Amino acid sequence: MHANCPVCEQPTEIEVGFYYGTGYVSYALSVAFMVSTFVAWKVLIGMTFDIDDNRIFYWLGASITLLILIQPLLMRLSRSLWLSWFVSYDPEWKNRKPEFAERVVPEQMNNW
């Protein structure tokens, strides 16, 4: 992500380790994706739990492949959602400059 928003100059790094919580958001989005693909597969293709029916494995392979392919989108969406929960929208953003984070220590930003 950019250090600041290119439009409104809002800093995106609020503090060191701010985006650790996005793992939980990304996990919830992944679970929602898997549940929705399962429901869609069950409604559109059908699925039984017989010993000879392998359609659940086809669903599993297809949904895991799709999940891997959309993972960059889920990562960016989870970061945007996480940031939107902690930074409120300012309707007068064109007239006011955003407050810069006081807890950012530039020396510690890449100290993983």
Protein backbone atom coordinates (compact mmCIF):
# COMPACT_ATOMS: atom_id res chain seq x y z
CA MET A 1 0.00 0.00 0.00
CA HIS A 2 1.03 3.60 -0.42
CA ALA A 3 2.35 5.38 2.64
CA ASN A 4 -0.34 8.04 2.10
CA CYS A 5 -3.52 8.05 0.05
CA PRO A 6 -2.75 9.65 -3.32
CA VAL A 7 -6.04 11.58 -3.28
CA CYS A 8 -6.60 12.84 0.27
CA GLU A 9 -3.10 12.28 1.76
CA GLN A 10 -4.48 10.20 4.64
CA PRO A 11 -1.61 8.12 6.07
CA THR A 12 -2.26 4.42 5.67
CA GLU A 13 0.28 3.27 8.26
CA ILE A 14 -1.41 4.23 11.51
CA GLU A 15 1.15 2.50 13.74
CA VAL A 16 3.69 -0.27 13.61
CA GLY A 17 1.90 -3.59 13.11
CA PHE A 18 -1.43 -1.95 12.34
CA TYR A 19 -2.36 -4.46 9.65
CA TYR A 20 -1.90 -7.59 11.78
CA GLY A 21 -5.67 -7.73 12.26
CA THR A 22 -6.28 -8.03 8.54
CA GLY A 23 -5.51 -11.72 8.80
CA TYR A 24 -8.79 -12.19 10.67
CA VAL A 25 -10.69 -10.17 8.07
CA SER A 26 -9.09 -12.11 5.22
CA TYR A 27 -9.95 -15.38 6.97
CA ALA A 28 -13.60 -14.32 7.34
CA LEU A 29 -13.75 -13.32 3.68
CA SER A 30 -12.21 -16.67 2.67
CA VAL A 31 -14.73 -18.60 4.76
CA ALA A 32 -17.57 -16.57 3.23
CA PHE A 33 -16.21 -17.33 -0.23
CA MET A 34 -15.97 -21.06 0.47
CA VAL A 35 -19.50 -21.18 1.93
CA SER A 36 -20.95 -19.25 -1.01
CA THR A 37 -19.23 -21.49 -3.57
CA PHE A 38 -20.46 -24.56 -1.70
CA VAL A 39 -24.05 -23.29 -1.73
CA ALA A 40 -23.79 -22.33 -5.40
CA TRP A 41 -22.31 -25.74 -6.29
CA LYS A 42 -24.99 -27.58 -4.31
CA VAL A 43 -27.82 -25.59 -5.93
CA LEU A 44 -26.50 -25.54 -9.49
CA ILE A 45 -24.75 -28.90 -9.83
CA GLY A 46 -26.03 -30.87 -6.89
CA MET A 47 -24.17 -33.00 -4.45
CA THR A 48 -24.87 -36.12 -2.46
CA PHE A 49 -22.74 -37.76 0.14
CA ASP A 50 -22.80 -41.23 -1.40
CA ILE A 51 -19.65 -43.25 -1.45
CA ASP A 52 -19.59 -43.19 -5.28
CA ASP A 53 -20.25 -39.44 -5.65
CA ASN A 54 -17.03 -37.49 -6.08
CA ARG A 55 -18.60 -34.10 -6.82
CA ILE A 56 -17.61 -32.74 -3.42
CA PHE A 57 -13.96 -33.26 -4.33
CA TYR A 58 -14.47 -31.42 -7.62
CA TRP A 59 -16.01 -28.53 -5.67
CA LEU A 60 -13.15 -28.59 -3.20
CA GLY A 61 -10.51 -28.51 -5.94
CA ALA A 62 -12.27 -25.76 -7.90
CA SER A 63 -12.94 -23.57 -4.87
CA ILE A 64 -9.40 -23.87 -3.50
CA THR A 65 -7.99 -22.99 -6.93
CA LEU A 66 -10.27 -19.95 -7.15
CA LEU A 67 -9.40 -18.96 -3.59
CA ILE A 68 -5.70 -19.01 -4.40
CA LEU A 69 -6.31 -16.92 -7.52
CA ILE A 70 -8.37 -14.25 -5.73
CA GLN A 71 -6.09 -14.08 -2.69
CA PRO A 72 -4.42 -10.81 -3.80
CA LEU A 73 -7.87 -9.24 -4.10
CA LEU A 74 -8.89 -10.54 -0.68
CA MET A 75 -5.70 -9.16 0.83
CA ARG A 76 -6.31 -5.68 -0.55
CA LEU A 77 -9.99 -5.77 0.37
CA SER A 78 -9.22 -6.86 3.93
CA ARG A 79 -6.65 -4.06 4.31
CA SER A 80 -9.14 -1.50 3.02
CA LEU A 81 -11.87 -2.79 5.33
CA TRP A 82 -9.51 -2.80 8.32
CA LEU A 83 -8.41 0.77 7.59
CA SER A 84 -12.00 1.94 7.15
CA TRP A 85 -12.94 0.62 10.61
CA PHE A 86 -10.30 2.75 12.31
CA VAL A 87 -10.20 5.89 10.17
CA SER A 88 -13.52 7.69 9.92
CA TYR A 89 -14.64 9.46 6.76
CA ASP A 90 -14.30 13.23 6.78
CA PRO A 91 -16.81 14.90 4.42
CA GLU A 92 -14.64 18.03 4.40
CA TRP A 93 -11.49 16.17 3.37
CA LYS A 94 -10.74 18.64 0.56
CA ASN A 95 -10.55 21.56 3.01
CA ARG A 96 -8.85 19.80 5.95
CA LYS A 97 -5.60 17.94 6.00
CA PRO A 98 -5.64 14.58 7.82
CA GLU A 99 -4.04 14.12 11.20
CA PHE A 100 -0.78 12.29 10.94
CA ALA A 101 -0.17 9.34 13.19
CA GLU A 102 1.97 10.09 16.19
CA ARG A 103 2.75 6.46 16.95
CA VAL A 104 4.66 5.79 13.76
CA VAL A 105 8.36 5.28 14.33
CA PRO A 106 9.99 5.27 10.88
CA GLU A 107 13.01 3.35 12.14
CA GLN A 108 10.77 0.48 13.31
CA MET A 109 8.55 0.20 10.22
CA ASN A 110 10.54 -2.60 8.56
CA ASN A 111 11.81 -4.20 11.75
CA TRP A 112 10.09 -7.57 11.44
